[in-house]
Amino acid sequence: MTDDTSAASEARSAGAMLRAARERQGLHIAALAASIKVPQAKLEALDQRVAKLEAQPSIPKVLVPSDEEVDKSLDIMEKFFHRFMGIMKDLDKDAQPQRT
């Protein structure tokens, strides 16, 4: 990843957007901390933690199922459910006392 790409993804991150909005308003992190009654050190630690989490790679696309895979899974689940309900109806019939 080049520095330009890295900078572009950083600019789009939620943490960077919040930081930029705060800075546009001229609100220093110390003033924000005082206004919301949170220690400045905690806000700075949170800011660093968000940056660290956002720097981690996201879930690779290969781990996310395609629409076709999701549809196939739902079809299988639907068939299972219908068969299961059929079994339950049969068991319910067998459990009811026989009338003579």
N, C-alpha and C. Protein backbone atom coordinates (compact mmCIF):
# COMPACT_ATOMS: atom_id res chain seq x y z
N MET A 1 0.85 -1.17 0.00
CA MET A 1 0.00 0.00 0.00
C MET A 1 0.90 1.23 0.00
N THR A 2 0.63 2.19 -0.87
CA THR A 2 1.46 3.39 -0.94
C THR A 2 1.02 4.37 0.12
N ASP A 3 1.85 5.39 0.33
CA ASP A 3 1.51 6.41 1.32
C ASP A 3 0.24 7.14 0.93
N ASP A 4 0.03 7.38 -0.39
CA ASP A 4 -1.18 8.06 -0.84
C ASP A 4 -2.42 7.24 -0.53
N THR A 5 -2.35 5.93 -0.79
CA THR A 5 -3.48 5.04 -0.51
C THR A 5 -3.74 4.97 0.98
N SER A 6 -2.67 4.86 1.75
CA SER A 6 -2.80 4.80 3.20
C SER A 6 -3.42 6.08 3.74
N ALA A 7 -2.98 7.22 3.25
CA ALA A 7 -3.52 8.50 3.69
C ALA A 7 -4.99 8.63 3.30
N ALA A 8 -5.34 8.13 2.11
CA ALA A 8 -6.74 8.21 1.66
C ALA A 8 -7.64 7.35 2.52
N SER A 9 -7.18 6.13 2.87
CA SER A 9 -8.02 5.27 3.71
C SER A 9 -8.10 5.82 5.12
N GLU A 10 -7.02 6.44 5.62
CA GLU A 10 -7.04 7.06 6.95
C GLU A 10 -8.06 8.20 6.97
N ALA A 11 -8.11 8.98 5.88
CA ALA A 11 -9.02 10.12 5.83
C ALA A 11 -10.47 9.66 5.84
N ARG A 12 -10.75 8.47 5.36
CA ARG A 12 -12.13 7.97 5.30
C ARG A 12 -12.54 7.25 6.56
N SER A 13 -11.61 6.97 7.45
CA SER A 13 -11.94 6.20 8.64
C SER A 13 -12.79 7.03 9.59
N ALA A 14 -13.57 6.35 10.40
CA ALA A 14 -14.46 7.03 11.35
C ALA A 14 -13.67 7.88 12.33
N GLY A 15 -12.58 7.31 12.83
CA GLY A 15 -11.76 8.05 13.79
C GLY A 15 -11.20 9.32 13.19
N ALA A 16 -10.71 9.21 11.95
CA ALA A 16 -10.15 10.39 11.28
C ALA A 16 -11.24 11.43 11.00
N MET A 17 -12.43 10.97 10.64
CA MET A 17 -13.54 11.90 10.38
C MET A 17 -13.93 12.64 11.66
N LEU A 18 -13.99 11.93 12.78
CA LEU A 18 -14.32 12.58 14.06
C LEU A 18 -13.25 13.58 14.47
N ARG A 19 -12.00 13.16 14.30
CA ARG A 19 -10.88 14.03 14.65
C ARG A 19 -10.90 15.29 13.78
N ALA A 20 -11.13 15.13 12.47
CA ALA A 20 -11.17 16.27 11.55
C ALA A 20 -12.32 17.21 11.88
N ALA A 21 -13.49 16.65 12.22
CA ALA A 21 -14.64 17.49 12.58
C ALA A 21 -14.34 18.29 13.84
N ARG A 22 -13.72 17.64 14.81
CA ARG A 22 -13.36 18.34 16.05
C ARG A 22 -12.38 19.47 15.76
N GLU A 23 -11.39 19.18 14.92
CA GLU A 23 -10.37 20.18 14.60
C GLU A 23 -10.95 21.33 13.77
N ARG A 24 -11.90 21.03 12.86
CA ARG A 24 -12.55 22.10 12.07
C ARG A 24 -13.28 23.08 12.97
N GLN A 25 -13.83 22.57 14.05
CA GLN A 25 -14.55 23.43 14.99
C GLN A 25 -13.60 24.13 15.95
N GLY A 26 -12.32 23.86 15.80
CA GLY A 26 -11.33 24.47 16.66
C GLY A 26 -11.40 23.96 18.09
N LEU A 27 -11.92 22.76 18.26
CA LEU A 27 -12.08 22.18 19.59
C LEU A 27 -10.88 21.29 19.90
N HIS A 28 -10.05 21.74 20.81
CA HIS A 28 -8.88 20.95 21.22
C HIS A 28 -9.37 19.78 22.06
N ILE A 29 -8.62 18.70 22.04
CA ILE A 29 -9.02 17.49 22.79
C ILE A 29 -9.16 17.78 24.29
N ALA A 30 -8.36 18.72 24.80
CA ALA A 30 -8.47 19.08 26.23
C ALA A 30 -9.81 19.75 26.51
N ALA A 31 -10.26 20.61 25.58
CA ALA A 31 -11.54 21.29 25.74
C ALA A 31 -12.69 20.29 25.65
N LEU A 32 -12.57 19.36 24.73
CA LEU A 32 -13.59 18.31 24.60
C LEU A 32 -13.65 17.48 25.87
N ALA A 33 -12.51 17.09 26.38
CA ALA A 33 -12.45 16.30 27.61
C ALA A 33 -13.13 17.03 28.76
N ALA A 34 -12.87 18.33 28.87
CA ALA A 34 -13.47 19.11 29.95
C ALA A 34 -14.98 19.23 29.76
N SER A 35 -15.41 19.42 28.51
CA SER A 35 -16.85 19.62 28.27
C SER A 35 -17.67 18.36 28.52
N ILE A 36 -17.07 17.20 28.29
CA ILE A 36 -17.83 15.95 28.53
C ILE A 36 -17.41 15.27 29.82
N LYS A 37 -16.55 15.95 30.58
CA LYS A 37 -16.12 15.47 31.91
C LYS A 37 -15.48 14.09 31.86
N VAL A 38 -14.53 13.96 30.92
CA VAL A 38 -13.75 12.73 30.78
C VAL A 38 -12.29 13.15 30.81
N PRO A 39 -11.45 12.45 31.53
CA PRO A 39 -10.04 12.82 31.55
C PRO A 39 -9.43 12.84 30.15
N GLN A 40 -8.62 13.85 29.89
CA GLN A 40 -8.00 13.99 28.58
C GLN A 40 -7.20 12.75 28.21
N ALA A 41 -6.52 12.17 29.16
CA ALA A 41 -5.72 10.98 28.90
C ALA A 41 -6.59 9.83 28.36
N LYS A 42 -7.82 9.73 28.89
CA LYS A 42 -8.71 8.67 28.41
C LYS A 42 -9.13 8.92 26.97
N LEU A 43 -9.42 10.18 26.63
CA LEU A 43 -9.79 10.50 25.25
C LEU A 43 -8.62 10.25 24.30
N GLU A 44 -7.43 10.62 24.73
CA GLU A 44 -6.25 10.38 23.89
C GLU A 44 -6.02 8.88 23.71
N ALA A 45 -6.19 8.11 24.77
CA ALA A 45 -6.03 6.66 24.69
C ALA A 45 -7.10 6.06 23.76
N LEU A 46 -8.31 6.57 23.86
CA LEU A 46 -9.39 6.10 22.99
C LEU A 46 -9.07 6.43 21.53
N ASP A 47 -8.60 7.64 21.30
CA ASP A 47 -8.23 8.06 19.94
C ASP A 47 -7.14 7.15 19.37
N GLN A 48 -6.15 6.83 20.19
CA GLN A 48 -5.07 5.94 19.75
C GLN A 48 -5.59 4.52 19.50
N ARG A 49 -6.49 4.06 20.36
CA ARG A 49 -7.05 2.71 20.21
C ARG A 49 -7.87 2.60 18.92
N VAL A 50 -8.66 3.63 18.64
CA VAL A 50 -9.46 3.63 17.40
C VAL A 50 -8.53 3.61 16.19
N ALA A 51 -7.49 4.44 16.22
CA ALA A 51 -6.53 4.47 15.10
C ALA A 51 -5.88 3.10 14.92
N LYS A 52 -5.53 2.45 16.02
CA LYS A 52 -4.89 1.13 15.96
C LYS A 52 -5.85 0.09 15.38
N LEU A 53 -7.11 0.13 15.82
CA LEU A 53 -8.10 -0.83 15.30
C LEU A 53 -8.38 -0.58 13.81
N GLU A 54 -8.46 0.68 13.45
CA GLU A 54 -8.75 1.00 12.05
C GLU A 54 -7.58 0.63 11.14
N ALA A 55 -6.38 0.55 11.68
CA ALA A 55 -5.21 0.19 10.89
C ALA A 55 -5.15 -1.30 10.60
N GLN A 56 -5.89 -2.09 11.40
CA GLN A 56 -5.89 -3.54 11.19
C GLN A 56 -6.64 -3.86 9.90
N PRO A 57 -6.20 -4.91 9.22
CA PRO A 57 -6.90 -5.29 7.99
C PRO A 57 -8.32 -5.75 8.31
N SER A 58 -9.21 -5.44 7.40
CA SER A 58 -10.59 -5.87 7.60
C SER A 58 -10.75 -7.33 7.17
N ILE A 59 -11.94 -7.85 7.32
CA ILE A 59 -12.22 -9.24 6.96
C ILE A 59 -12.02 -9.41 5.45
N PRO A 60 -11.19 -10.36 5.05
CA PRO A 60 -10.99 -10.57 3.60
C PRO A 60 -12.31 -10.95 2.93
N LYS A 61 -12.47 -10.47 1.71
CA LYS A 61 -13.71 -10.73 0.98
C LYS A 61 -13.95 -12.22 0.77
N VAL A 62 -12.89 -13.01 0.73
CA VAL A 62 -13.07 -14.45 0.50
C VAL A 62 -13.78 -15.12 1.68
N LEU A 63 -13.77 -14.49 2.85
CA LEU A 63 -14.45 -15.07 4.01
C LEU A 63 -15.92 -14.69 4.07
N VAL A 64 -16.33 -13.72 3.25
CA VAL A 64 -17.72 -13.28 3.23
C VAL A 64 -18.43 -14.06 2.12
N PRO A 65 -19.51 -14.77 2.46
CA PRO A 65 -20.18 -15.57 1.44
C PRO A 65 -20.84 -14.70 0.37
N SER A 66 -20.90 -15.24 -0.84
CA SER A 66 -21.57 -14.53 -1.93
C SER A 66 -23.08 -14.64 -1.75
N ASP A 67 -23.82 -13.86 -2.52
CA ASP A 67 -25.28 -13.92 -2.46
C ASP A 67 -25.78 -15.32 -2.81
N GLU A 68 -25.13 -15.96 -3.78
CA GLU A 68 -25.54 -17.30 -4.19
C GLU A 68 -25.33 -18.31 -3.05
N GLU A 69 -24.21 -18.18 -2.34
CA GLU A 69 -23.94 -19.08 -1.22
C GLU A 69 -24.95 -18.89 -0.09
N VAL A 70 -25.31 -17.64 0.16
CA VAL A 70 -26.31 -17.36 1.20
C VAL A 70 -27.66 -17.94 0.79
N ASP A 71 -28.05 -17.73 -0.48
CA ASP A 71 -29.32 -18.28 -0.97
C ASP A 71 -29.34 -19.80 -0.87
N LYS A 72 -28.24 -20.45 -1.24
CA LYS A 72 -28.17 -21.91 -1.17
C LYS A 72 -28.32 -22.38 0.28
N SER A 73 -27.65 -21.69 1.20
CA SER A 73 -27.75 -22.04 2.62
C SER A 73 -29.17 -21.88 3.13
N LEU A 74 -29.82 -20.79 2.73
CA LEU A 74 -31.21 -20.57 3.16
C LEU A 74 -32.15 -21.62 2.59
N ASP A 75 -31.91 -22.03 1.34
CA ASP A 75 -32.73 -23.09 0.75
C ASP A 75 -32.58 -24.39 1.53
N ILE A 76 -31.35 -24.72 1.91
CA ILE A 76 -31.11 -25.94 2.69
C ILE A 76 -31.82 -25.85 4.04
N MET A 77 -31.71 -24.69 4.68
CA MET A 77 -32.36 -24.51 5.98
C MET A 77 -33.88 -24.61 5.85
N GLU A 78 -34.42 -24.06 4.78
CA GLU A 78 -35.87 -24.12 4.57
C GLU A 78 -36.33 -25.57 4.39
N LYS A 79 -35.60 -26.35 3.60
CA LYS A 79 -35.94 -27.77 3.41
C LYS A 79 -35.87 -28.51 4.73
N PHE A 80 -34.81 -28.25 5.49
CA PHE A 80 -34.65 -28.89 6.80
C PHE A 80 -35.84 -28.55 7.69
N PHE A 81 -36.22 -27.28 7.72
CA PHE A 81 -37.32 -26.85 8.58
C PHE A 81 -38.63 -27.53 8.19
N HIS A 82 -38.90 -27.60 6.89
CA HIS A 82 -40.14 -28.26 6.45
C HIS A 82 -40.14 -29.75 6.81
N ARG A 83 -39.02 -30.40 6.65
CA ARG A 83 -38.93 -31.81 7.03
C ARG A 83 -39.08 -31.99 8.53
N PHE A 84 -38.45 -31.11 9.28
CA PHE A 84 -38.55 -31.17 10.73
C PHE A 84 -39.99 -30.98 11.17
N MET A 85 -40.69 -30.01 10.60
CA MET A 85 -42.09 -29.77 10.97
C MET A 85 -42.96 -30.98 10.60
N GLY A 86 -42.65 -31.64 9.49
CA GLY A 86 -43.38 -32.85 9.12
C GLY A 86 -43.17 -33.95 10.17
N ILE A 87 -41.94 -34.11 10.61
CA ILE A 87 -41.65 -35.10 11.65
C ILE A 87 -42.40 -34.75 12.93
N MET A 88 -42.41 -33.48 13.31
CA MET A 88 -43.10 -33.06 14.53
C MET A 88 -44.60 -33.32 14.43
N LYS A 89 -45.19 -33.08 13.26
CA LYS A 89 -46.63 -33.36 13.08
C LYS A 89 -46.90 -34.86 13.24
N ASP A 90 -46.02 -35.68 12.65
CA ASP A 90 -46.19 -37.13 12.77
C ASP A 90 -46.07 -37.56 14.23
N LEU A 91 -45.11 -37.02 14.95
CA LEU A 91 -44.95 -37.35 16.37
C LEU A 91 -46.16 -36.90 17.17
N ASP A 92 -46.70 -35.75 16.83
CA ASP A 92 -47.87 -35.23 17.53
C ASP A 92 -49.07 -36.14 17.30
N LYS A 93 -49.21 -36.63 16.07
CA LYS A 93 -50.31 -37.55 15.77
C LYS A 93 -50.16 -38.85 16.58
N ASP A 94 -48.92 -39.35 16.66
CA ASP A 94 -48.66 -40.58 17.39
C ASP A 94 -48.87 -40.40 18.89
N ALA A 95 -48.66 -39.20 19.41
CA ALA A 95 -48.77 -38.95 20.84
C ALA A 95 -50.22 -38.77 21.28
N GLN A 96 -51.09 -38.43 20.34
CA GLN A 96 -52.50 -38.22 20.72
C GLN A 96 -53.16 -39.58 20.95
N PRO A 97 -54.03 -39.65 21.96
CA PRO A 97 -54.70 -40.93 22.24
C PRO A 97 -55.61 -41.34 21.06
N GLN A 98 -55.59 -42.62 20.77
CA GLN A 98 -56.43 -43.16 19.70
C GLN A 98 -57.87 -43.24 20.17
N ARG A 99 -58.77 -42.77 19.35
CA ARG A 99 -60.20 -42.87 19.66
C ARG A 99 -60.73 -44.20 19.14
N THR A 100 -61.54 -44.84 19.91
CA THR A 100 -62.11 -46.12 19.50
C THR A 100 -63.58 -46.05 19.32
